Amino acid sequence: MRIKGILIALLFLAGGAARIRAELANGIEAVVHDKVITYEDVEVLNRQTAEVLQRQFGHQASMLQQKLEQMRKENLDKLVANQLILHEFKTAGYNLPESIIDDEVNTRIRSRFGNDRVTLTKTLEAEGVTNEQFRERVRDQFIIDVMRQKNINQELIVSPHRVEAYYQAHRDAFNVEDEVKLRMIVLTNSVDTNTPAADKRAEEILAKLKEGASFDEMAKVYSQDQHAKQGGEWGWFERSALRKELAEAAFALKPGEPGPVVDTPEACYVLLVEDRRTAHPKTLGEVRDQIEHDMILEDRNRLEKQWIERLKKKTFVRSFQ
């Protein structure tokens, strides 16, 4: 083991690091029929979602590691499933006219690049992707979507009885905490010494509100966030959905009462609670559509899993994880 470690170190010292990285990138993760899925293939998908997980769980090291491992397994499974579907398309003898692929490529260019082929070329170059590879990716994804539509996305119907039974069995899941309907004026803290401090500006705004100024108008004029045009309207919030400082201030206010200035490192907030709702269970009517949507998604996932398992029985698949 010690000799192996020394050899690896010597390879790096001798300039072998790049070669080792290349071998790792080309390492085989799975084989589906005659198609190889490499380590880098999986990493391309991982990079698309790892940043989101890092933001969500960066402060929980063990949870982050668990989520990253789960993501990696799911992405490998996705790539295996895609290759199984493409192989099924080929072995079934289906054909796809090039004119359809032309149309799909043009649609992707319009939607992703605003029909700007210069931007397309620069983006592909930055990603190390050729025009031919881009076209092949579009073709493969189109085939996968069509095959899924044909084999999975049949009309799925959820009976009212099933929805009602689920609601009765999971009533606790539909409990809503105390809520406030909130408006906020947000003033970002500035490093510019020539700009009045956010907390001072916030206190001045609060004083005007207490004198009878319209919160809606004040928010439209002074607020520095995306809700300014709506008069600072943020909508309904449970206590747990707000950061601690805002929650404590908001839930201490009476409806119609402009609140104290809440100072945070990023910004100062002036609050107004428009209305309150006490904790209550949502009615079946309120959640019926969501339950039905979730059940259809669950049924679709189950059907896809069964379909992929059938394809695996017809095709050589080997994973090297």
C-alpha atoms as a PDB file:
ATOM      1  CA  MET A   1       0.000   0.000   0.000  1.00  0.00           C
ATOM      2  CA  ARG A   2       2.908   2.302   0.871  1.00  0.00           C
ATOM      3  CA  ILE A   3       4.580   1.548  -2.473  1.00  0.00           C
ATOM      4  CA  LYS A   4       1.334   2.310  -4.307  1.00  0.00           C
ATOM      5  CA  GLY A   5       1.113   5.690  -2.561  1.00  0.00           C
ATOM      6  CA  ILE A   6       4.704   6.517  -3.496  1.00  0.00           C
ATOM      7  CA  LEU A   7       4.073   5.599  -7.126  1.00  0.00           C
ATOM      8  CA  ILE A   8       1.013   7.862  -7.300  1.00  0.00           C
ATOM      9  CA  ALA A   9       2.992  10.722  -5.774  1.00  0.00           C
ATOM     10  CA  LEU A  10       5.778  10.219  -8.316  1.00  0.00           C
ATOM     11  CA  LEU A  11       3.267  10.289 -11.153  1.00  0.00           C
ATOM     12  CA  PHE A  12       2.015  13.668  -9.997  1.00  0.00           C
ATOM     13  CA  LEU A  13       5.548  15.009  -9.594  1.00  0.00           C
ATOM     14  CA  ALA A  14       6.433  13.764 -13.052  1.00  0.00           C
ATOM     15  CA  GLY A  15       3.552  15.692 -14.615  1.00  0.00           C
ATOM     16  CA  GLY A  16       1.175  12.767 -14.638  1.00  0.00           C
ATOM     17  CA  ALA A  17      -1.589  14.619 -12.796  1.00  0.00           C
ATOM     18  CA  ALA A  18      -3.311  15.731 -16.001  1.00  0.00           C
ATOM     19  CA  ARG A  19      -3.260  12.194 -17.364  1.00  0.00           C
ATOM     20  CA  ILE A  20      -4.708  10.798 -14.130  1.00  0.00           C
ATOM     21  CA  ARG A  21      -7.476  13.408 -14.170  1.00  0.00           C
ATOM     22  CA  ALA A  22      -8.237  12.505 -17.787  1.00  0.00           C
ATOM     23  CA  GLU A  23      -8.389   8.807 -16.913  1.00  0.00           C
ATOM     24  CA  LEU A  24     -10.710   9.588 -14.006  1.00  0.00           C
ATOM     25  CA  ALA A  25     -12.997  11.666 -16.253  1.00  0.00           C
ATOM     26  CA  ASN A  26     -13.123   8.819 -18.764  1.00  0.00           C
ATOM     27  CA  GLY A  27     -13.635   6.199 -16.066  1.00  0.00           C
ATOM     28  CA  ILE A  28     -16.563   3.916 -16.814  1.00  0.00           C
ATOM     29  CA  GLU A  29     -19.588   4.302 -14.557  1.00  0.00           C
ATOM     30  CA  ALA A  30     -21.948   2.039 -16.492  1.00  0.00           C
ATOM     31  CA  VAL A  31     -22.468   0.264 -19.807  1.00  0.00           C
ATOM     32  CA  VAL A  32     -25.860   0.015 -21.518  1.00  0.00           C
ATOM     33  CA  HIS A  33     -25.741  -2.349 -24.508  1.00  0.00           C
ATOM     34  CA  ASP A  34     -22.742  -0.862 -26.369  1.00  0.00           C
ATOM     35  CA  LYS A  35     -22.953   2.654 -24.902  1.00  0.00           C
ATOM     36  CA  VAL A  36     -20.514   3.707 -22.183  1.00  0.00           C
ATOM     37  CA  ILE A  37     -21.470   6.199 -19.461  1.00  0.00           C
ATOM     38  CA  THR A  38     -18.354   7.882 -18.073  1.00  0.00           C
ATOM     39  CA  TYR A  39     -17.556   9.608 -14.808  1.00  0.00           C
ATOM     40  CA  GLU A  40     -17.571  12.949 -16.636  1.00  0.00           C
ATOM     41  CA  ASP A  41     -21.029  12.251 -18.104  1.00  0.00           C
ATOM     42  CA  VAL A  42     -22.366  11.970 -14.562  1.00  0.00           C
ATOM     43  CA  GLU A  43     -20.393  14.990 -13.363  1.00  0.00           C
ATOM     44  CA  VAL A  44     -21.951  17.197 -16.055  1.00  0.00           C
ATOM     45  CA  LEU A  45     -25.366  16.568 -14.488  1.00  0.00           C
ATOM     46  CA  ASN A  46     -23.981  16.819 -10.960  1.00  0.00           C
ATOM     47  CA  ARG A  47     -22.590  20.289 -11.580  1.00  0.00           C
ATOM     48  CA  GLN A  48     -26.033  21.518 -12.623  1.00  0.00           C
ATOM     49  CA  THR A  49     -27.543  20.786  -9.192  1.00  0.00           C
ATOM     50  CA  ALA A  50     -24.612  20.637  -6.742  1.00  0.00           C
ATOM     51  CA  GLU A  51     -24.552  24.421  -6.314  1.00  0.00           C
ATOM     52  CA  VAL A  52     -28.206  24.445  -5.252  1.00  0.00           C
ATOM     53  CA  LEU A  53     -27.551  21.713  -2.675  1.00  0.00           C
ATOM     54  CA  GLN A  54     -24.495  23.598  -1.433  1.00  0.00           C
ATOM     55  CA  ARG A  55     -26.633  26.678  -0.766  1.00  0.00           C
ATOM     56  CA  GLN A  56     -29.349  24.655   0.957  1.00  0.00           C
ATOM     57  CA  PHE A  57     -27.216  22.343   3.105  1.00  0.00           C
ATOM     58  CA  GLY A  58     -23.775  23.997   3.176  1.00  0.00           C
ATOM     59  CA  HIS A  59     -24.049  24.487   6.951  1.00  0.00           C
ATOM     60  CA  GLN A  60     -24.888  20.789   7.506  1.00  0.00           C
ATOM     61  CA  ALA A  61     -21.845  18.828   6.355  1.00  0.00           C
ATOM     62  CA  SER A  62     -23.233  15.325   6.899  1.00  0.00           C
ATOM     63  CA  MET A  63     -26.595  16.181   5.308  1.00  0.00           C
ATOM     64  CA  LEU A  64     -24.846  17.837   2.352  1.00  0.00           C
ATOM     65  CA  GLN A  65     -22.714  14.749   1.789  1.00  0.00           C
ATOM     66  CA  GLN A  66     -25.801  12.535   1.947  1.00  0.00           C
ATOM     67  CA  LYS A  67     -27.667  14.727  -0.553  1.00  0.00           C
ATOM     68  CA  LEU A  68     -24.687  14.832  -2.938  1.00  0.00           C
ATOM     69  CA  GLU A  69     -24.369  11.042  -2.892  1.00  0.00           C
ATOM     70  CA  GLN A  70     -28.106  10.681  -3.510  1.00  0.00           C
ATOM     71  CA  MET A  71     -27.894  13.206  -6.372  1.00  0.00           C
ATOM     72  CA  ARG A  72     -25.010  11.314  -7.957  1.00  0.00           C
ATOM     73  CA  LYS A  73     -26.877   7.996  -7.834  1.00  0.00           C
ATOM     74  CA  GLU A  74     -30.030   9.575  -9.270  1.00  0.00           C
ATOM     75  CA  ASN A  75     -28.078  11.192 -12.107  1.00  0.00           C
ATOM     76  CA  LEU A  76     -26.366   7.922 -13.008  1.00  0.00           C
ATOM     77  CA  ASP A  77     -29.745   6.160 -12.946  1.00  0.00           C
ATOM     78  CA  LYS A  78     -31.119   8.900 -15.213  1.00  0.00           C
ATOM     79  CA  LEU A  79     -28.315   8.445 -17.748  1.00  0.00           C
ATOM     80  CA  VAL A  80     -28.781   4.662 -17.720  1.00  0.00           C
ATOM     81  CA  ALA A  81     -32.535   5.098 -18.254  1.00  0.00           C
ATOM     82  CA  ASN A  82     -31.908   7.509 -21.134  1.00  0.00           C
ATOM     83  CA  GLN A  83     -29.623   5.041 -22.895  1.00  0.00           C
ATOM     84  CA  LEU A  84     -32.147   2.237 -22.387  1.00  0.00           C
ATOM     85  CA  ILE A  85     -34.846   4.382 -23.991  1.00  0.00           C
ATOM     86  CA  LEU A  86     -32.607   5.326 -26.929  1.00  0.00           C
ATOM     87  CA  HIS A  87     -31.701   1.668 -27.446  1.00  0.00           C
ATOM     88  CA  GLU A  88     -35.380   0.697 -27.380  1.00  0.00           C
ATOM     89  CA  PHE A  89     -36.116   3.342 -30.024  1.00  0.00           C
ATOM     90  CA  LYS A  90     -33.372   1.930 -32.237  1.00  0.00           C
ATOM     91  CA  THR A  91     -34.228  -1.747 -31.814  1.00  0.00           C
ATOM     92  CA  ALA A  92     -37.929  -1.050 -32.403  1.00  0.00           C
ATOM     93  CA  GLY A  93     -36.986   0.199 -35.867  1.00  0.00           C
ATOM     94  CA  TYR A  94     -38.368   3.701 -35.407  1.00  0.00           C
ATOM     95  CA  ASN A  95     -37.114   6.491 -37.669  1.00  0.00           C
ATOM     96  CA  LEU A  96     -36.904  10.208 -37.048  1.00  0.00           C
ATOM     97  CA  PRO A  97     -36.815  12.510 -40.098  1.00  0.00           C
ATOM     98  CA  GLU A  98     -33.967  15.013 -40.064  1.00  0.00           C
ATOM     99  CA  SER A  99     -36.486  17.785 -40.769  1.00  0.00           C
ATOM    100  CA  ILE A 100     -38.037  17.195 -37.344  1.00  0.00           C
ATOM    101  CA  ILE A 101     -34.623  17.472 -35.697  1.00  0.00           C
ATOM    102  CA  ASP A 102     -33.981  20.676 -37.670  1.00  0.00           C
ATOM    103  CA  ASP A 103     -37.191  22.146 -36.271  1.00  0.00           C
ATOM    104  CA  GLU A 104     -36.353  21.035 -32.742  1.00  0.00           C
ATOM    105  CA  VAL A 105     -32.823  22.481 -32.941  1.00  0.00           C
ATOM    106  CA  ASN A 106     -34.245  25.805 -34.124  1.00  0.00           C
ATOM    107  CA  THR A 107     -36.781  25.765 -31.292  1.00  0.00           C
ATOM    108  CA  ARG A 108     -34.015  25.184 -28.727  1.00  0.00           C
ATOM    109  CA  ILE A 109     -31.910  27.980 -30.200  1.00  0.00           C
ATOM    110  CA  ARG A 110     -34.859  30.381 -30.006  1.00  0.00           C
ATOM    111  CA  SER A 111     -35.821  29.452 -26.449  1.00  0.00           C
ATOM    112  CA  ARG A 112     -32.348  29.189 -24.925  1.00  0.00           C
ATOM    113  CA  PHE A 113     -30.320  31.676 -26.973  1.00  0.00           C
ATOM    114  CA  GLY A 114     -32.928  34.126 -28.249  1.00  0.00           C
ATOM    115  CA  ASN A 115     -32.263  32.905 -31.805  1.00  0.00           C
ATOM    116  CA  ASP A 116     -28.734  34.350 -31.514  1.00  0.00           C
ATOM    117  CA  ARG A 117     -26.386  31.877 -33.182  1.00  0.00           C
ATOM    118  CA  VAL A 118     -23.309  33.857 -32.121  1.00  0.00           C
ATOM    119  CA  THR A 119     -24.290  33.361 -28.481  1.00  0.00           C
ATOM    120  CA  LEU A 120     -24.981  29.703 -29.242  1.00  0.00           C
ATOM    121  CA  THR A 121     -21.503  29.232 -30.729  1.00  0.00           C
ATOM    122  CA  LYS A 122     -19.771  30.978 -27.815  1.00  0.00           C
ATOM    123  CA  THR A 123     -21.735  28.960 -25.255  1.00  0.00           C
ATOM    124  CA  LEU A 124     -20.975  25.662 -26.968  1.00  0.00           C
ATOM    125  CA  GLU A 125     -17.285  26.564 -27.221  1.00  0.00           C
ATOM    126  CA  ALA A 126     -17.203  27.394 -23.498  1.00  0.00           C
ATOM    127  CA  GLU A 127     -18.791  24.017 -22.739  1.00  0.00           C
ATOM    128  CA  GLY A 128     -16.469  22.179 -25.126  1.00  0.00           C
ATOM    129  CA  VAL A 129     -19.405  21.030 -27.248  1.00  0.00           C
ATOM    130  CA  THR A 130     -19.421  20.956 -31.052  1.00  0.00           C
ATOM    131  CA  ASN A 131     -22.441  21.831 -33.197  1.00  0.00           C
ATOM    132  CA  GLU A 132     -22.735  18.162 -34.131  1.00  0.00           C
ATOM    133  CA  GLN A 133     -22.768  17.134 -30.466  1.00  0.00           C
ATOM    134  CA  PHE A 134     -25.379  19.797 -29.704  1.00  0.00           C
ATOM    135  CA  ARG A 135     -27.582  18.477 -32.498  1.00  0.00           C
ATOM    136  CA  GLU A 136     -27.098  14.915 -31.253  1.00  0.00           C
ATOM    137  CA  ARG A 137     -28.128  15.943 -27.735  1.00  0.00           C
ATOM    138  CA  VAL A 138     -31.250  17.633 -29.062  1.00  0.00           C
ATOM    139  CA  ARG A 139     -32.078  14.548 -31.136  1.00  0.00           C
ATOM    140  CA  ASP A 140     -31.588  12.194 -28.182  1.00  0.00           C
ATOM    141  CA  GLN A 141     -33.692  14.317 -25.837  1.00  0.00           C
ATOM    142  CA  PHE A 142     -36.473  14.572 -28.418  1.00  0.00           C
ATOM    143  CA  ILE A 143     -36.511  10.782 -28.811  1.00  0.00           C
ATOM    144  CA  ILE A 144     -36.541  10.282 -25.035  1.00  0.00           C
ATOM    145  CA  ASP A 145     -39.449  12.707 -24.637  1.00  0.00           C
ATOM    146  CA  VAL A 146     -41.438  11.058 -27.440  1.00  0.00           C
ATOM    147  CA  MET A 147     -40.829   7.557 -26.064  1.00  0.00           C
ATOM    148  CA  ARG A 148     -41.870   8.634 -22.582  1.00  0.00           C
ATOM    149  CA  GLN A 149     -45.012  10.197 -24.007  1.00  0.00           C
ATOM    150  CA  LYS A 150     -45.798   6.965 -25.838  1.00  0.00           C
ATOM    151  CA  ASN A 151     -45.093   4.573 -22.967  1.00  0.00           C
ATOM    152  CA  ILE A 152     -45.854   6.503 -19.786  1.00  0.00           C
ATOM    153  CA  ASN A 153     -47.841   9.674 -20.242  1.00  0.00           C
ATOM    154  CA  GLN A 154     -51.135   8.064 -21.034  1.00  0.00           C
ATOM    155  CA  GLU A 155     -54.169   9.782 -19.568  1.00  0.00           C
ATOM    156  CA  LEU A 156     -53.876   9.265 -15.817  1.00  0.00           C
ATOM    157  CA  ILE A 157     -57.036   9.730 -13.786  1.00  0.00           C
ATOM    158  CA  VAL A 158     -57.255   9.969 -10.006  1.00  0.00           C
ATOM    159  CA  SER A 159     -60.673   9.155  -8.571  1.00  0.00           C
ATOM    160  CA  PRO A 160     -62.317  11.576  -6.100  1.00  0.00           C
ATOM    161  CA  HIS A 161     -62.552   8.706  -3.594  1.00  0.00           C
ATOM    162  CA  ARG A 162     -58.775   8.179  -3.718  1.00  0.00           C
ATOM    163  CA  VAL A 163     -58.134  11.889  -3.158  1.00  0.00           C
ATOM    164  CA  GLU A 164     -60.548  12.009  -0.215  1.00  0.00           C
ATOM    165  CA  ALA A 165     -59.040   8.859   1.329  1.00  0.00           C
ATOM    166  CA  TYR A 166     -55.555  10.354   1.097  1.00  0.00           C
ATOM    167  CA  TYR A 167     -56.730  13.601   2.682  1.00  0.00           C
ATOM    168  CA  GLN A 168     -58.356  11.792   5.607  1.00  0.00           C
ATOM    169  CA  ALA A 169     -55.246   9.668   6.179  1.00  0.00           C
ATOM    170  CA  HIS A 170     -52.876  12.655   6.089  1.00  0.00           C
ATOM    171  CA  ARG A 171     -54.862  15.470   7.668  1.00  0.00           C
ATOM    172  CA  ASP A 172     -51.938  16.506   9.869  1.00  0.00           C
ATOM    173  CA  ALA A 173     -49.855  17.201   6.757  1.00  0.00           C
ATOM    174  CA  PHE A 174     -52.311  19.925   5.762  1.00  0.00           C
ATOM    175  CA  ASN A 175     -52.208  21.864   9.013  1.00  0.00           C
ATOM    176  CA  VAL A 176     -51.267  25.507   8.557  1.00  0.00           C
ATOM    177  CA  GLU A 177     -49.461  27.525  11.229  1.00  0.00           C
ATOM    178  CA  ASP A 178     -50.491  31.011  12.280  1.00  0.00           C
ATOM    179  CA  GLU A 179     -50.054  33.277   9.250  1.00  0.00           C
ATOM    180  CA  VAL A 180     -49.681  36.970   8.533  1.00  0.00           C
ATOM    181  CA  LYS A 181     -50.352  38.793   5.283  1.00  0.00           C
ATOM    182  CA  LEU A 182     -47.306  40.972   4.987  1.00  0.00           C
ATOM    183  CA  ARG A 183     -46.175  44.138   3.249  1.00  0.00           C
ATOM    184  CA  MET A 184     -42.549  45.236   3.535  1.00  0.00           C
ATOM    185  CA  ILE A 185     -40.402  48.176   2.549  1.00  0.00           C
ATOM    186  CA  VAL A 186     -36.843  46.949   2.051  1.00  0.00           C
ATOM    187  CA  LEU A 187     -33.872  49.323   2.227  1.00  0.00           C
ATOM    188  CA  THR A 188     -30.521  47.748   1.426  1.00  0.00           C
ATOM    189  CA  ASN A 189     -27.482  48.723   3.473  1.00  0.00           C
ATOM    190  CA  SER A 190     -25.029  50.707   1.346  1.00  0.00           C
ATOM    191  CA  VAL A 191     -21.247  51.006   1.678  1.00  0.00           C
ATOM    192  CA  ASP A 192     -21.435  54.442   0.040  1.00  0.00           C
ATOM    193  CA  THR A 193     -20.761  56.990   2.791  1.00  0.00           C
ATOM    194  CA  ASN A 194     -22.635  59.634   0.794  1.00  0.00           C
ATOM    195  CA  THR A 195     -25.860  57.616   1.017  1.00  0.00           C
ATOM    196  CA  PRO A 196     -27.942  58.063   4.186  1.00  0.00           C
ATOM    197  CA  ALA A 197     -27.856  54.979   6.402  1.00  0.00           C
ATOM    198  CA  ALA A 198     -30.659  52.512   5.716  1.00  0.00           C
ATOM    199  CA  ASP A 199     -31.788  52.466   9.344  1.00  0.00           C
ATOM    200  CA  LYS A 200     -32.129  56.275   9.395  1.00  0.00           C
ATOM    201  CA  ARG A 201     -34.146  56.255   6.167  1.00  0.00           C
ATOM    202  CA  ALA A 202     -36.306  53.443   7.525  1.00  0.00           C
ATOM    203  CA  GLU A 203     -37.090  55.394  10.706  1.00  0.00           C
ATOM    204  CA  GLU A 204     -38.090  58.425   8.630  1.00  0.00           C
ATOM    205  CA  ILE A 205     -40.407  56.263   6.496  1.00  0.00           C
ATOM    206  CA  LEU A 206     -41.933  54.671   9.597  1.00  0.00           C
ATOM    207  CA  ALA A 207     -42.620  58.111  11.070  1.00  0.00           C
ATOM    208  CA  LYS A 208     -44.475  59.134   7.901  1.00  0.00           C
ATOM    209  CA  LEU A 209     -46.502  55.918   7.984  1.00  0.00           C
ATOM    210  CA  LYS A 210     -47.540  56.575  11.572  1.00  0.00           C
ATOM    211  CA  GLU A 211     -48.659  60.037  10.475  1.00  0.00           C
ATOM    212  CA  GLY A 212     -50.999  58.415   7.941  1.00  0.00           C
ATOM    213  CA  ALA A 213     -48.920  58.040   4.768  1.00  0.00           C
ATOM    214  CA  SER A 214     -49.996  55.213   2.437  1.00  0.00           C
ATOM    215  CA  PHE A 215     -47.810  52.129   2.838  1.00  0.00           C
ATOM    216  CA  ASP A 216     -48.538  51.185  -0.771  1.00  0.00           C
ATOM    217  CA  GLU A 217     -47.263  54.516  -2.092  1.00  0.00           C
ATOM    218  CA  MET A 218     -44.261  54.647   0.243  1.00  0.00           C
ATOM    219  CA  ALA A 219     -43.212  51.151  -0.828  1.00  0.00           C
ATOM    220  CA  LYS A 220     -43.479  52.040  -4.515  1.00  0.00           C
ATOM    221  CA  VAL A 221     -41.256  55.086  -3.968  1.00  0.00           C
ATOM    222  CA  TYR A 222     -38.671  53.830  -1.471  1.00  0.00           C
ATOM    223  CA  SER A 223     -38.533  50.023  -1.398  1.00  0.00           C
ATOM    224  CA  GLN A 224     -35.486  48.489  -3.086  1.00  0.00           C
ATOM    225  CA  ASP A 225     -36.728  44.987  -3.807  1.00  0.00           C
ATOM    226  CA  GLN A 226     -38.741  43.188  -6.474  1.00  0.00           C
ATOM    227  CA  HIS A 227     -42.035  43.775  -4.615  1.00  0.00           C
ATOM    228  CA  ALA A 228     -41.834  47.569  -4.766  1.00  0.00           C
ATOM    229  CA  LYS A 229     -44.114  47.840  -7.813  1.00  0.00           C
ATOM    230  CA  GLN A 230     -46.775  45.876  -5.921  1.00  0.00           C
ATOM    231  CA  GLY A 231     -46.654  48.337  -3.035  1.00  0.00           C
ATOM    232  CA  GLY A 232     -44.442  46.053  -0.965  1.00  0.00           C
ATOM    233  CA  GLU A 233     -46.983  43.225  -0.975  1.00  0.00           C
ATOM    234  CA  TRP A 234     -45.357  39.867  -0.121  1.00  0.00           C
ATOM    235  CA  GLY A 235     -48.434  37.766   0.620  1.00  0.00           C
ATOM    236  CA  TRP A 236     -49.128  35.192   3.345  1.00  0.00           C
ATOM    237  CA  PHE A 237     -46.345  33.777   5.513  1.00  0.00           C
ATOM    238  CA  GLU A 238     -46.144  31.225   8.279  1.00  0.00           C
ATOM    239  CA  ARG A 239     -43.744  32.045  11.103  1.00  0.00           C
ATOM    240  CA  SER A 240     -41.329  29.323  10.006  1.00  0.00           C
ATOM    241  CA  ALA A 241     -41.065  30.805   6.496  1.00  0.00           C
ATOM    242  CA  LEU A 242     -39.594  34.094   7.748  1.00  0.00           C
ATOM    243  CA  ARG A 243     -36.154  34.776   9.163  1.00  0.00           C
ATOM    244  CA  LYS A 244     -36.237  35.030  12.950  1.00  0.00           C
ATOM    245  CA  GLU A 245     -36.007  38.841  13.238  1.00  0.00           C
ATOM    246  CA  LEU A 246     -38.816  39.419  10.740  1.00  0.00           C
ATOM    247  CA  ALA A 247     -41.033  36.715  12.246  1.00  0.00           C
ATOM    248  CA  GLU A 248     -40.737  38.142  15.757  1.00  0.00           C
ATOM    249  CA  ALA A 249     -41.645  41.631  14.554  1.00  0.00           C
ATOM    250  CA  ALA A 250     -44.437  40.589  12.182  1.00  0.00           C
ATOM    251  CA  PHE A 251     -46.272  38.294  14.598  1.00  0.00           C
ATOM    252  CA  ALA A 252     -46.183  40.959  17.312  1.00  0.00           C
ATOM    253  CA  LEU A 253     -48.072  43.454  15.124  1.00  0.00           C
ATOM    254  CA  LYS A 254     -51.795  44.017  14.875  1.00  0.00           C
ATOM    255  CA  PRO A 255     -53.435  44.188  11.427  1.00  0.00           C
ATOM    256  CA  GLY A 256     -53.014  47.656   9.927  1.00  0.00           C
ATOM    257  CA  GLU A 257     -50.223  48.612  12.317  1.00  0.00           C
ATOM    258  CA  PRO A 258     -46.910  49.687  10.717  1.00  0.00           C
ATOM    259  CA  GLY A 259     -44.122  47.883  12.477  1.00  0.00           C
ATOM    260  CA  PRO A 260     -40.782  48.711  14.010  1.00  0.00           C
ATOM    261  CA  VAL A 261     -37.691  48.927  11.846  1.00  0.00           C
ATOM    262  CA  VAL A 262     -36.038  45.514  11.586  1.00  0.00           C
ATOM    263  CA  ASP A 263     -32.306  45.892  11.022  1.00  0.00           C
ATOM    264  CA  THR A 264     -30.299  43.012   9.516  1.00  0.00           C
ATOM    265  CA  PRO A 265     -26.760  42.930   8.088  1.00  0.00           C
ATOM    266  CA  GLU A 266     -28.143  43.053   4.529  1.00  0.00           C
ATOM    267  CA  ALA A 267     -31.059  45.468   4.817  1.00  0.00           C
ATOM    268  CA  CYS A 268     -33.556  47.332   6.962  1.00  0.00           C
ATOM    269  CA  TYR A 269     -37.236  46.405   6.822  1.00  0.00           C
ATOM    270  CA  VAL A 270     -40.387  48.345   7.596  1.00  0.00           C
ATOM    271  CA  LEU A 271     -43.344  45.995   8.067  1.00  0.00           C
ATOM    272  CA  LEU A 272     -47.096  46.198   7.805  1.00  0.00           C
ATOM    273  CA  VAL A 273     -49.349  43.276   8.691  1.00  0.00           C
ATOM    274  CA  GLU A 274     -52.532  43.524   6.625  1.00  0.00           C
ATOM    275  CA  ASP A 275     -54.296  40.480   8.046  1.00  0.00           C
ATOM    276  CA  ARG A 276     -53.805  37.422  10.260  1.00  0.00           C
ATOM    277  CA  ARG A 277     -55.007  33.830  10.191  1.00  0.00           C
ATOM    278  CA  THR A 278     -54.816  31.465  13.141  1.00  0.00           C
ATOM    279  CA  ALA A 279     -53.484  27.935  12.754  1.00  0.00           C
ATOM    280  CA  HIS A 280     -55.989  25.685  10.997  1.00  0.00           C
ATOM    281  CA  PRO A 281     -56.192  22.583   8.796  1.00  0.00           C
ATOM    282  CA  LYS A 282     -56.682  23.277   5.102  1.00  0.00           C
ATOM    283  CA  THR A 283     -59.986  22.000   3.768  1.00  0.00           C
ATOM    284  CA  LEU A 284     -60.196  19.259   1.171  1.00  0.00           C
ATOM    285  CA  GLY A 285     -61.364  21.846  -1.339  1.00  0.00           C
ATOM    286  CA  GLU A 286     -58.185  23.872  -0.785  1.00  0.00           C
ATOM    287  CA  VAL A 287     -55.823  20.949  -1.326  1.00  0.00           C
ATOM    288  CA  ARG A 288     -57.731  18.696  -3.741  1.00  0.00           C
ATOM    289  CA  ASP A 289     -55.868  19.925  -6.843  1.00  0.00           C
ATOM    290  CA  GLN A 290     -52.478  19.551  -5.134  1.00  0.00           C
ATOM    291  CA  ILE A 291     -53.257  16.020  -3.940  1.00  0.00           C
ATOM    292  CA  GLU A 292     -54.464  15.038  -7.406  1.00  0.00           C
ATOM    293  CA  HIS A 293     -51.336  16.541  -9.007  1.00  0.00           C
ATOM    294  CA  ASP A 294     -49.050  14.686  -6.563  1.00  0.00           C
ATOM    295  CA  MET A 295     -50.875  11.399  -7.155  1.00  0.00           C
ATOM    296  CA  ILE A 296     -50.616  11.719 -10.933  1.00  0.00           C
ATOM    297  CA  LEU A 297     -46.897  12.432 -10.562  1.00  0.00           C
ATOM    298  CA  GLU A 298     -46.532   9.428  -8.260  1.00  0.00           C
ATOM    299  CA  ASP A 299     -48.394   7.193 -10.720  1.00  0.00           C
ATOM    300  CA  ARG A 300     -46.292   8.465 -13.618  1.00  0.00           C
ATOM    301  CA  ASN A 301     -43.047   7.803 -11.714  1.00  0.00           C
ATOM    302  CA  ARG A 302     -44.234   4.297 -10.836  1.00  0.00           C
ATOM    303  CA  LEU A 303     -45.118   3.552 -14.467  1.00  0.00           C
ATOM    304  CA  GLU A 304     -41.769   4.884 -15.664  1.00  0.00           C
ATOM    305  CA  LYS A 305     -39.881   2.771 -13.138  1.00  0.00           C
ATOM    306  CA  GLN A 306     -41.777  -0.340 -14.272  1.00  0.00           C
ATOM    307  CA  TRP A 307     -41.071   0.498 -17.923  1.00  0.00           C
ATOM    308  CA  ILE A 308     -37.343   1.018 -17.294  1.00  0.00           C
ATOM    309  CA  GLU A 309     -37.172  -2.280 -15.386  1.00  0.00           C
ATOM    310  CA  ARG A 310     -38.737  -4.041 -18.387  1.00  0.00           C
ATOM    311  CA  LEU A 311     -36.155  -2.442 -20.686  1.00  0.00           C
ATOM    312  CA  LYS A 312     -33.327  -3.578 -18.394  1.00  0.00           C
ATOM    313  CA  LYS A 313     -34.479  -7.175 -18.763  1.00  0.00           C
ATOM    314  CA  LYS A 314     -34.153  -6.853 -22.551  1.00  0.00           C
ATOM    315  CA  THR A 315     -30.784  -5.074 -22.612  1.00  0.00           C
ATOM    316  CA  PHE A 316     -27.297  -5.630 -21.232  1.00  0.00           C
ATOM    317  CA  VAL A 317     -26.713  -3.193 -18.352  1.00  0.00           C
ATOM    318  CA  ARG A 318     -23.748  -3.125 -16.008  1.00  0.00           C
ATOM    319  CA  SER A 319     -22.911  -0.533 -13.365  1.00  0.00           C
ATOM    320  CA  PHE A 320     -19.389  -0.109 -11.990  1.00  0.00           C
ATOM    321  CA  GLN A 321     -20.303   1.982  -8.962  1.00  0.00           C
END
